[in-house]
Amino acid sequence: MTREEAYKILTKYLKNPNLIKHCLACEAVMKALYKRLNSEEKSSFAKASEENWGITGLLHDADYELSKGHPEKHGLLLFEIEKNIPDDIAHAIKSHNYENTKVSPENLMDWGITCTDQLTGLIVACALVHPDKKLASLSPHFILKRMKEKSFAKGADRKPIFMCEEKLGIPLEEFVELNLKAMQSISKELGL
């Protein structure tokens, strides 16, 4: 599957521009995460390509609007409709909502999208409270500080973010910085 094919699928089912931007952010982060993990040559490193990691980020919420009101179907519904998505991408997408789908993350790509998904939303929330509303103005320190505030961005579940150390072997501060830099690299597309 190519990135272009994946983007067509995304925009076929997802219409909310902010959700599309969220998926673009996750795509950028997943590619950066692939490079970071691949540089360590971890023995458990998934054999998927950088493009597949990016496509996982791009498509992970493609069925979000279709499954609205049915969280147990989010991450599963897409594969009832689209049959040509590679198995490794499909498993990662199904498992990113494992608490509802009961599909467990099994490898680094699965855990990558699981840990990244909530953090990209938290980073956007941090940008939006900054006076200039720009990702360029953010620092990992600011994001980590806001992450500790339970009343800030309540919709962003912190639990999967904190799993980055255990499941990916990346310290939290480094993981936040990786996410932020990846999102900054596409700030124009994100409008931030």
C-alpha atoms as a PDB file:
ATOM      1  CA  MET A   1       0.000   0.000   0.000  1.00  0.00           C
ATOM      2  CA  THR A   2       1.324   3.431  -0.902  1.00  0.00           C
ATOM      3  CA  ARG A   3       0.993   6.599   1.102  1.00  0.00           C
ATOM      4  CA  GLU A   4      -1.237   8.053  -1.633  1.00  0.00           C
ATOM      5  CA  GLU A   5      -3.608   5.064  -1.436  1.00  0.00           C
ATOM      6  CA  ALA A   6      -3.722   5.393   2.346  1.00  0.00           C
ATOM      7  CA  TYR A   7      -4.478   9.114   2.156  1.00  0.00           C
ATOM      8  CA  LYS A   8      -7.381   8.436  -0.226  1.00  0.00           C
ATOM      9  CA  ILE A   9      -8.797   5.924   2.254  1.00  0.00           C
ATOM     10  CA  LEU A  10      -8.357   8.398   5.108  1.00  0.00           C
ATOM     11  CA  THR A  11     -10.182  11.230   3.353  1.00  0.00           C
ATOM     12  CA  LYS A  12     -12.882   8.893   2.070  1.00  0.00           C
ATOM     13  CA  TYR A  13     -14.039   8.100   5.612  1.00  0.00           C
ATOM     14  CA  LEU A  14     -12.777  11.001   7.711  1.00  0.00           C
ATOM     15  CA  LYS A  15     -14.195  14.460   6.990  1.00  0.00           C
ATOM     16  CA  ASN A  16     -13.313  16.523  10.079  1.00  0.00           C
ATOM     17  CA  PRO A  17     -10.237  18.621   9.144  1.00  0.00           C
ATOM     18  CA  ASN A  18      -8.901  18.517  12.709  1.00  0.00           C
ATOM     19  CA  LEU A  19      -9.056  14.720  12.785  1.00  0.00           C
ATOM     20  CA  ILE A  20      -7.257  14.587   9.442  1.00  0.00           C
ATOM     21  CA  LYS A  21      -4.553  16.865  10.885  1.00  0.00           C
ATOM     22  CA  HIS A  22      -4.310  14.564  13.912  1.00  0.00           C
ATOM     23  CA  CYS A  23      -3.705  11.635  11.563  1.00  0.00           C
ATOM     24  CA  LEU A  24      -1.055  13.619   9.667  1.00  0.00           C
ATOM     25  CA  ALA A  25       0.650  14.373  12.990  1.00  0.00           C
ATOM     26  CA  CYS A  26       0.633  10.689  13.929  1.00  0.00           C
ATOM     27  CA  GLU A  27       2.053   9.804  10.512  1.00  0.00           C
ATOM     28  CA  ALA A  28       4.982  12.206  11.007  1.00  0.00           C
ATOM     29  CA  VAL A  29       5.635  10.925  14.524  1.00  0.00           C
ATOM     30  CA  MET A  30       5.481   7.271  13.499  1.00  0.00           C
ATOM     31  CA  LYS A  31       8.096   7.872  10.784  1.00  0.00           C
ATOM     32  CA  ALA A  32      10.347   9.643  13.295  1.00  0.00           C
ATOM     33  CA  LEU A  33       9.791   6.840  15.792  1.00  0.00           C
ATOM     34  CA  TYR A  34      10.717   4.236  13.169  1.00  0.00           C
ATOM     35  CA  LYS A  35      14.005   6.048  12.500  1.00  0.00           C
ATOM     36  CA  ARG A  36      14.744   6.357  16.224  1.00  0.00           C
ATOM     37  CA  LEU A  37      14.042   2.708  16.983  1.00  0.00           C
ATOM     38  CA  ASN A  38      15.718   1.428  13.824  1.00  0.00           C
ATOM     39  CA  SER A  39      18.903   3.296  14.765  1.00  0.00           C
ATOM     40  CA  GLU A  40      19.184   1.064  17.833  1.00  0.00           C
ATOM     41  CA  GLU A  41      18.628  -2.131  15.824  1.00  0.00           C
ATOM     42  CA  LYS A  42      16.428  -3.638  18.514  1.00  0.00           C
ATOM     43  CA  SER A  43      16.097  -7.392  18.126  1.00  0.00           C
ATOM     44  CA  SER A  44      12.325  -7.137  18.524  1.00  0.00           C
ATOM     45  CA  PHE A  45      12.117  -4.361  15.919  1.00  0.00           C
ATOM     46  CA  ALA A  46       9.216  -4.953  13.574  1.00  0.00           C
ATOM     47  CA  LYS A  47      10.322  -5.658  10.018  1.00  0.00           C
ATOM     48  CA  ALA A  48       7.842  -3.162   8.617  1.00  0.00           C
ATOM     49  CA  SER A  49       9.164  -0.289   6.545  1.00  0.00           C
ATOM     50  CA  GLU A  50       9.240   3.372   7.516  1.00  0.00           C
ATOM     51  CA  GLU A  51       6.420   3.917   5.020  1.00  0.00           C
ATOM     52  CA  ASN A  52       4.258   1.292   6.764  1.00  0.00           C
ATOM     53  CA  TRP A  53       4.886   2.953  10.115  1.00  0.00           C
ATOM     54  CA  GLY A  54       3.800   6.257   8.591  1.00  0.00           C
ATOM     55  CA  ILE A  55       0.712   4.705   7.001  1.00  0.00           C
ATOM     56  CA  THR A  56      -0.207   3.232  10.381  1.00  0.00           C
ATOM     57  CA  GLY A  57      -0.182   6.723  11.865  1.00  0.00           C
ATOM     58  CA  LEU A  58      -2.087   8.126   8.907  1.00  0.00           C
ATOM     59  CA  LEU A  59      -4.867   5.512   8.978  1.00  0.00           C
ATOM     60  CA  HIS A  60      -5.159   4.781  12.705  1.00  0.00           C
ATOM     61  CA  ASP A  61      -8.288   6.946  13.116  1.00  0.00           C
ATOM     62  CA  ALA A  62      -9.720   6.557   9.597  1.00  0.00           C
ATOM     63  CA  ASP A  63     -12.855   4.870  10.977  1.00  0.00           C
ATOM     64  CA  TYR A  64     -13.284   7.314  13.876  1.00  0.00           C
ATOM     65  CA  GLU A  65     -16.350   9.048  12.443  1.00  0.00           C
ATOM     66  CA  LEU A  66     -17.817   5.733  11.245  1.00  0.00           C
ATOM     67  CA  SER A  67     -17.491   4.188  14.707  1.00  0.00           C
ATOM     68  CA  LYS A  68     -18.631   7.260  16.668  1.00  0.00           C
ATOM     69  CA  GLY A  69     -20.699   6.148  19.641  1.00  0.00           C
ATOM     70  CA  HIS A  70     -19.275   2.607  19.385  1.00  0.00           C
ATOM     71  CA  PRO A  71     -15.736   2.744  20.839  1.00  0.00           C
ATOM     72  CA  GLU A  72     -15.482  -1.051  20.698  1.00  0.00           C
ATOM     73  CA  LYS A  73     -15.598  -0.810  16.880  1.00  0.00           C
ATOM     74  CA  HIS A  74     -13.005   1.972  16.527  1.00  0.00           C
ATOM     75  CA  GLY A  75      -9.971   0.474  14.856  1.00  0.00           C
ATOM     76  CA  LEU A  76     -11.935  -2.548  13.620  1.00  0.00           C
ATOM     77  CA  LEU A  77     -14.616  -1.075  11.377  1.00  0.00           C
ATOM     78  CA  LEU A  78     -12.156   0.118   8.729  1.00  0.00           C
ATOM     79  CA  PHE A  79     -11.122  -3.460   7.988  1.00  0.00           C
ATOM     80  CA  GLU A  80     -14.690  -4.591   7.421  1.00  0.00           C
ATOM     81  CA  ILE A  81     -14.784  -2.116   4.509  1.00  0.00           C
ATOM     82  CA  GLU A  82     -11.191  -1.930   3.254  1.00  0.00           C
ATOM     83  CA  LYS A  83      -9.659  -5.337   2.565  1.00  0.00           C
ATOM     84  CA  ASN A  84      -6.315  -4.341   1.005  1.00  0.00           C
ATOM     85  CA  ILE A  85      -4.557  -2.920   4.049  1.00  0.00           C
ATOM     86  CA  PRO A  86      -1.437  -4.951   4.951  1.00  0.00           C
ATOM     87  CA  ASP A  87      -1.754  -7.185   8.009  1.00  0.00           C
ATOM     88  CA  ASP A  88       0.950  -5.458  10.073  1.00  0.00           C
ATOM     89  CA  ILE A  89      -0.696  -2.060   9.601  1.00  0.00           C
ATOM     90  CA  ALA A  90      -4.137  -3.531  10.298  1.00  0.00           C
ATOM     91  CA  HIS A  91      -2.975  -5.135  13.544  1.00  0.00           C
ATOM     92  CA  ALA A  92      -1.328  -1.942  14.775  1.00  0.00           C
ATOM     93  CA  ILE A  93      -4.470   0.067  14.039  1.00  0.00           C
ATOM     94  CA  LYS A  94      -6.744  -2.485  15.706  1.00  0.00           C
ATOM     95  CA  SER A  95      -4.505  -2.623  18.777  1.00  0.00           C
ATOM     96  CA  HIS A  96      -4.128   1.146  19.275  1.00  0.00           C
ATOM     97  CA  ASN A  97      -7.597   1.019  20.883  1.00  0.00           C
ATOM     98  CA  TYR A  98      -6.869  -2.271  22.676  1.00  0.00           C
ATOM     99  CA  GLU A  99      -8.873  -1.452  25.788  1.00  0.00           C
ATOM    100  CA  ASN A 100     -12.004  -1.439  23.625  1.00  0.00           C
ATOM    101  CA  THR A 101     -11.121  -3.769  20.732  1.00  0.00           C
ATOM    102  CA  LYS A 102      -9.412  -6.410  22.907  1.00  0.00           C
ATOM    103  CA  VAL A 103      -6.683  -6.690  20.225  1.00  0.00           C
ATOM    104  CA  SER A 104      -3.415  -6.498  22.173  1.00  0.00           C
ATOM    105  CA  PRO A 105      -0.367  -4.576  20.938  1.00  0.00           C
ATOM    106  CA  GLU A 106       2.364  -7.113  20.151  1.00  0.00           C
ATOM    107  CA  ASN A 107       5.340  -5.300  18.667  1.00  0.00           C
ATOM    108  CA  LEU A 108       7.052  -1.931  18.478  1.00  0.00           C
ATOM    109  CA  MET A 109       4.858  -0.607  15.674  1.00  0.00           C
ATOM    110  CA  ASP A 110       1.719  -1.509  17.648  1.00  0.00           C
ATOM    111  CA  TRP A 111       3.039   0.171  20.791  1.00  0.00           C
ATOM    112  CA  GLY A 112       4.342   3.114  18.772  1.00  0.00           C
ATOM    113  CA  ILE A 113       0.888   4.172  17.579  1.00  0.00           C
ATOM    114  CA  THR A 114      -0.639   3.348  20.970  1.00  0.00           C
ATOM    115  CA  CYS A 115       1.790   5.640  22.828  1.00  0.00           C
ATOM    116  CA  THR A 116       1.816   8.343  20.141  1.00  0.00           C
ATOM    117  CA  ASP A 117      -1.920   8.747  19.556  1.00  0.00           C
ATOM    118  CA  GLN A 118      -2.758  10.551  22.798  1.00  0.00           C
ATOM    119  CA  LEU A 119       0.459  12.569  22.933  1.00  0.00           C
ATOM    120  CA  THR A 120      -0.114  14.280  19.582  1.00  0.00           C
ATOM    121  CA  GLY A 121      -3.467  15.530  20.854  1.00  0.00           C
ATOM    122  CA  LEU A 122      -1.886  16.782  24.062  1.00  0.00           C
ATOM    123  CA  ILE A 123       0.787  18.640  22.073  1.00  0.00           C
ATOM    124  CA  VAL A 124      -1.896  20.334  19.956  1.00  0.00           C
ATOM    125  CA  ALA A 125      -3.681  21.394  23.158  1.00  0.00           C
ATOM    126  CA  CYS A 126      -0.395  22.850  24.453  1.00  0.00           C
ATOM    127  CA  ALA A 127       0.074  24.824  21.233  1.00  0.00           C
ATOM    128  CA  LEU A 128      -3.455  26.186  21.398  1.00  0.00           C
ATOM    129  CA  VAL A 129      -2.949  27.672  24.877  1.00  0.00           C
ATOM    130  CA  HIS A 130       0.271  29.407  23.804  1.00  0.00           C
ATOM    131  CA  PRO A 131      -0.167  33.075  22.825  1.00  0.00           C
ATOM    132  CA  ASP A 132       0.960  32.521  19.203  1.00  0.00           C
ATOM    133  CA  LYS A 133      -0.626  29.055  18.922  1.00  0.00           C
ATOM    134  CA  LYS A 134       2.513  27.686  17.223  1.00  0.00           C
ATOM    135  CA  LEU A 135       4.304  24.381  17.722  1.00  0.00           C
ATOM    136  CA  ALA A 136       7.600  26.241  17.286  1.00  0.00           C
ATOM    137  CA  SER A 137       6.976  28.004  20.616  1.00  0.00           C
ATOM    138  CA  LEU A 138       6.659  24.767  22.578  1.00  0.00           C
ATOM    139  CA  SER A 139       9.343  22.941  24.516  1.00  0.00           C
ATOM    140  CA  PRO A 140       9.291  19.398  25.882  1.00  0.00           C
ATOM    141  CA  HIS A 141       9.471  20.931  29.382  1.00  0.00           C
ATOM    142  CA  PHE A 142       6.258  22.920  28.798  1.00  0.00           C
ATOM    143  CA  ILE A 143       4.454  19.829  27.469  1.00  0.00           C
ATOM    144  CA  LEU A 144       5.619  17.658  30.374  1.00  0.00           C
ATOM    145  CA  LYS A 145       4.509  20.322  32.848  1.00  0.00           C
ATOM    146  CA  ARG A 146       1.043  20.536  31.289  1.00  0.00           C
ATOM    147  CA  MET A 147       0.836  16.746  31.076  1.00  0.00           C
ATOM    148  CA  LYS A 148       0.965  16.576  34.874  1.00  0.00           C
ATOM    149  CA  GLU A 149      -2.078  18.844  35.172  1.00  0.00           C
ATOM    150  CA  LYS A 150      -5.089  16.535  35.309  1.00  0.00           C
ATOM    151  CA  SER A 151      -7.473  19.341  34.383  1.00  0.00           C
ATOM    152  CA  PHE A 152      -5.525  20.197  31.200  1.00  0.00           C
ATOM    153  CA  ALA A 153      -6.570  18.391  27.992  1.00  0.00           C
ATOM    154  CA  LYS A 154      -8.696  15.938  29.975  1.00  0.00           C
ATOM    155  CA  GLY A 155      -9.511  13.989  26.820  1.00  0.00           C
ATOM    156  CA  ALA A 156      -5.865  12.968  26.364  1.00  0.00           C
ATOM    157  CA  ASP A 157      -5.316   9.712  28.244  1.00  0.00           C
ATOM    158  CA  ARG A 158      -1.848   9.910  29.796  1.00  0.00           C
ATOM    159  CA  LYS A 159      -1.532   6.187  30.558  1.00  0.00           C
ATOM    160  CA  PRO A 160      -0.480   5.086  27.038  1.00  0.00           C
ATOM    161  CA  ILE A 161       1.942   8.022  26.785  1.00  0.00           C
ATOM    162  CA  PHE A 162       3.725   6.959  29.978  1.00  0.00           C
ATOM    163  CA  MET A 163       4.113   3.438  28.563  1.00  0.00           C
ATOM    164  CA  CYS A 164       6.768   4.685  26.108  1.00  0.00           C
ATOM    165  CA  GLU A 165       9.605   3.741  28.460  1.00  0.00           C
ATOM    166  CA  GLU A 166       8.385   0.225  29.178  1.00  0.00           C
ATOM    167  CA  LYS A 167       7.092  -0.676  25.710  1.00  0.00           C
ATOM    168  CA  LEU A 168       9.420   1.306  23.414  1.00  0.00           C
ATOM    169  CA  GLY A 169      12.490   1.738  25.614  1.00  0.00           C
ATOM    170  CA  ILE A 170      12.384   5.518  25.163  1.00  0.00           C
ATOM    171  CA  PRO A 171      12.467   7.818  28.208  1.00  0.00           C
ATOM    172  CA  LEU A 172       9.382  10.020  28.512  1.00  0.00           C
ATOM    173  CA  GLU A 173      11.186  13.334  27.975  1.00  0.00           C
ATOM    174  CA  GLU A 174      12.886  12.024  24.829  1.00  0.00           C
ATOM    175  CA  PHE A 175       9.583  10.613  23.567  1.00  0.00           C
ATOM    176  CA  VAL A 176       7.858  13.973  24.058  1.00  0.00           C
ATOM    177  CA  GLU A 177      10.716  15.723  22.243  1.00  0.00           C
ATOM    178  CA  LEU A 178      10.570  13.243  19.338  1.00  0.00           C
ATOM    179  CA  ASN A 179       6.815  13.781  18.989  1.00  0.00           C
ATOM    180  CA  LEU A 180       7.154  17.552  19.160  1.00  0.00           C
ATOM    181  CA  LYS A 181       9.965  17.731  16.579  1.00  0.00           C
ATOM    182  CA  ALA A 182       8.090  15.462  14.171  1.00  0.00           C
ATOM    183  CA  MET A 183       4.989  17.626  14.464  1.00  0.00           C
ATOM    184  CA  GLN A 184       7.035  20.815  14.086  1.00  0.00           C
ATOM    185  CA  SER A 185       8.406  19.423  10.814  1.00  0.00           C
ATOM    186  CA  ILE A 186       4.868  19.511   9.342  1.00  0.00           C
ATOM    187  CA  SER A 187       3.578  22.560  11.219  1.00  0.00           C
ATOM    188  CA  LYS A 188       2.274  24.205   8.027  1.00  0.00           C
ATOM    189  CA  GLU A 189       0.087  21.186   7.221  1.00  0.00           C
ATOM    190  CA  LEU A 190      -1.148  21.188  10.812  1.00  0.00           C
ATOM    191  CA  GLY A 191      -1.841  24.929  10.802  1.00  0.00           C
ATOM    192  CA  LEU A 192       0.232  25.279  13.957  1.00  0.00           C
END
